[in-house]
Amino acid sequence: MAVYNKRCQNQTKDNKGYDGNIVETVGENGDSLITDTGYAKNSHSDSQFCKECLSKKDSSSAPETMITNGAYGGEENQELANSCNTKLVTTALIGKDTNPIFLKQVYAVH
């Protein structure tokens, strides 16, 4: 999951801005496709976006690994991911790039 976050320069109590989340699925050969999107008021948590994405899957879904920043993690999200055959891997909250060695290990497993 990736987040596009555009906040209003003059935020007020009634105007907090919006968050857009994009889910990109990457195949073993590096080909990619946007497979889900979300758009909501800035008060909608990243964790909730993750729950909404995972709730569209079920235990018969093909195994996959979802790499997100730490804001998408949490015990409930991990349990939900496990229930739909998904390995949820969270990185730093600040959106740093994932170590390429780690990515190679993840893709080697699947």
Protein backbone atom coordinates (compact mmCIF):
# COMPACT_ATOMS: atom_id res chain seq x y z
CA MET A 1 0.00 0.00 0.00
CA ALA A 2 1.17 3.47 -0.73
CA VAL A 3 -0.37 6.69 0.47
CA TYR A 4 -0.77 9.94 -1.42
CA ASN A 5 -1.46 12.60 1.15
CA LYS A 6 -2.38 16.13 0.09
CA ARG A 7 -3.21 18.35 3.01
CA CYS A 8 -4.80 21.75 2.71
CA GLN A 9 -2.44 24.58 3.60
CA ASN A 10 -5.15 26.30 5.63
CA GLN A 11 -6.48 23.37 7.63
CA THR A 12 -9.38 24.17 9.88
CA LYS A 13 -11.61 22.11 12.13
CA ASP A 14 -13.93 21.45 9.18
CA ASN A 15 -11.27 21.09 6.47
CA LYS A 16 -8.66 18.45 7.23
CA GLY A 17 -7.76 17.31 3.71
CA TYR A 18 -7.91 13.86 2.14
CA ASP A 19 -5.77 10.74 1.91
CA GLY A 20 -5.56 8.50 -1.10
CA ASN A 21 -4.22 4.96 -0.83
CA ILE A 22 -3.06 2.90 -3.78
CA VAL A 23 -2.44 -0.86 -3.73
CA GLU A 24 0.04 -2.00 -6.36
CA THR A 25 0.49 -5.70 -7.04
CA VAL A 26 3.92 -6.69 -8.35
CA GLY A 27 4.47 -10.03 -10.06
CA GLU A 28 7.52 -12.24 -9.88
CA ASN A 29 8.87 -10.73 -13.12
CA GLY A 30 8.51 -7.15 -11.84
CA ASP A 31 5.32 -6.39 -13.76
CA SER A 32 2.90 -4.31 -11.71
CA LEU A 33 -0.75 -3.37 -11.67
CA ILE A 34 -2.83 -1.09 -9.45
CA THR A 35 -5.32 -3.47 -7.85
CA ASP A 36 -7.10 -1.29 -5.29
CA THR A 37 -7.53 2.33 -4.30
CA GLY A 38 -9.01 4.19 -1.37
CA TYR A 39 -9.86 7.84 -0.84
CA ALA A 40 -11.20 9.35 2.37
CA LYS A 41 -10.99 12.33 4.71
CA ASN A 42 -7.63 12.72 6.39
CA SER A 43 -9.15 11.47 9.66
CA HIS A 44 -9.47 7.96 8.11
CA SER A 45 -6.54 5.96 9.50
CA ASP A 46 -4.01 4.03 7.45
CA SER A 47 -4.86 1.01 9.58
CA GLN A 48 -8.51 1.29 8.52
CA PHE A 49 -7.49 1.50 4.84
CA CYS A 50 -5.52 -1.72 5.37
CA LYS A 51 -8.50 -3.47 6.98
CA GLU A 52 -10.74 -2.44 4.07
CA CYS A 53 -8.26 -3.79 1.52
CA LEU A 54 -7.77 -7.07 3.36
CA SER A 55 -11.50 -7.55 3.94
CA LYS A 56 -11.93 -7.93 0.17
CA LYS A 57 -9.89 -11.15 0.32
CA ASP A 58 -10.69 -14.51 1.88
CA SER A 59 -8.91 -17.68 2.97
CA SER A 60 -9.06 -19.08 -0.58
CA SER A 61 -7.08 -16.11 -1.97
CA ALA A 62 -3.73 -16.92 -3.53
CA PRO A 63 -0.83 -16.48 -1.08
CA GLU A 64 0.75 -13.04 -1.21
CA THR A 65 2.96 -10.67 0.71
CA MET A 66 1.77 -7.13 1.43
CA ILE A 67 4.58 -4.67 2.22
CA THR A 68 3.44 -1.45 3.89
CA ASN A 69 4.78 1.22 6.18
CA GLY A 70 4.29 0.72 9.92
CA ALA A 71 1.08 2.75 10.10
CA TYR A 72 -0.76 -0.10 8.35
CA GLY A 73 0.32 -2.69 10.92
CA GLY A 74 -1.17 -3.76 14.20
CA GLU A 75 -2.38 -6.98 15.75
CA GLU A 76 -5.86 -6.86 14.19
CA ASN A 77 -4.43 -6.23 10.72
CA GLN A 78 -1.91 -9.07 11.14
CA GLU A 79 -4.71 -11.47 12.15
CA LEU A 80 -6.90 -10.33 9.26
CA ALA A 81 -3.99 -10.75 6.83
CA ASN A 82 -3.28 -14.26 8.14
CA SER A 83 -6.94 -15.20 7.70
CA CYS A 84 -6.80 -14.32 3.99
CA ASN A 85 -3.51 -16.03 3.17
CA THR A 86 -1.53 -12.78 3.20
CA LYS A 87 1.79 -12.07 4.91
CA LEU A 88 1.70 -8.46 6.17
CA VAL A 89 5.20 -6.96 6.36
CA THR A 90 5.52 -3.47 7.80
CA THR A 91 8.50 -1.15 7.38
CA ALA A 92 9.39 2.16 9.04
CA LEU A 93 6.64 4.74 9.58
CA ILE A 94 8.54 7.41 7.69
CA GLY A 95 8.20 5.72 4.31
CA LYS A 96 11.85 4.84 3.75
CA ASP A 97 12.58 2.44 0.92
CA THR A 98 12.57 -1.21 1.90
CA ASN A 99 15.98 -2.84 1.90
CA PRO A 100 16.31 -4.54 -1.54
CA ILE A 101 17.85 -7.61 0.13
CA PHE A 102 14.67 -8.02 2.19
CA LEU A 103 12.52 -7.72 -0.93
CA LYS A 104 14.56 -10.42 -2.67
CA GLN A 105 14.03 -12.72 0.34
CA VAL A 106 10.27 -12.07 0.35
CA TYR A 107 9.89 -12.76 -3.36
CA ALA A 108 12.08 -15.86 -3.11
CA VAL A 109 9.62 -17.34 -0.59
CA HIS A 110 6.67 -17.03 -2.98
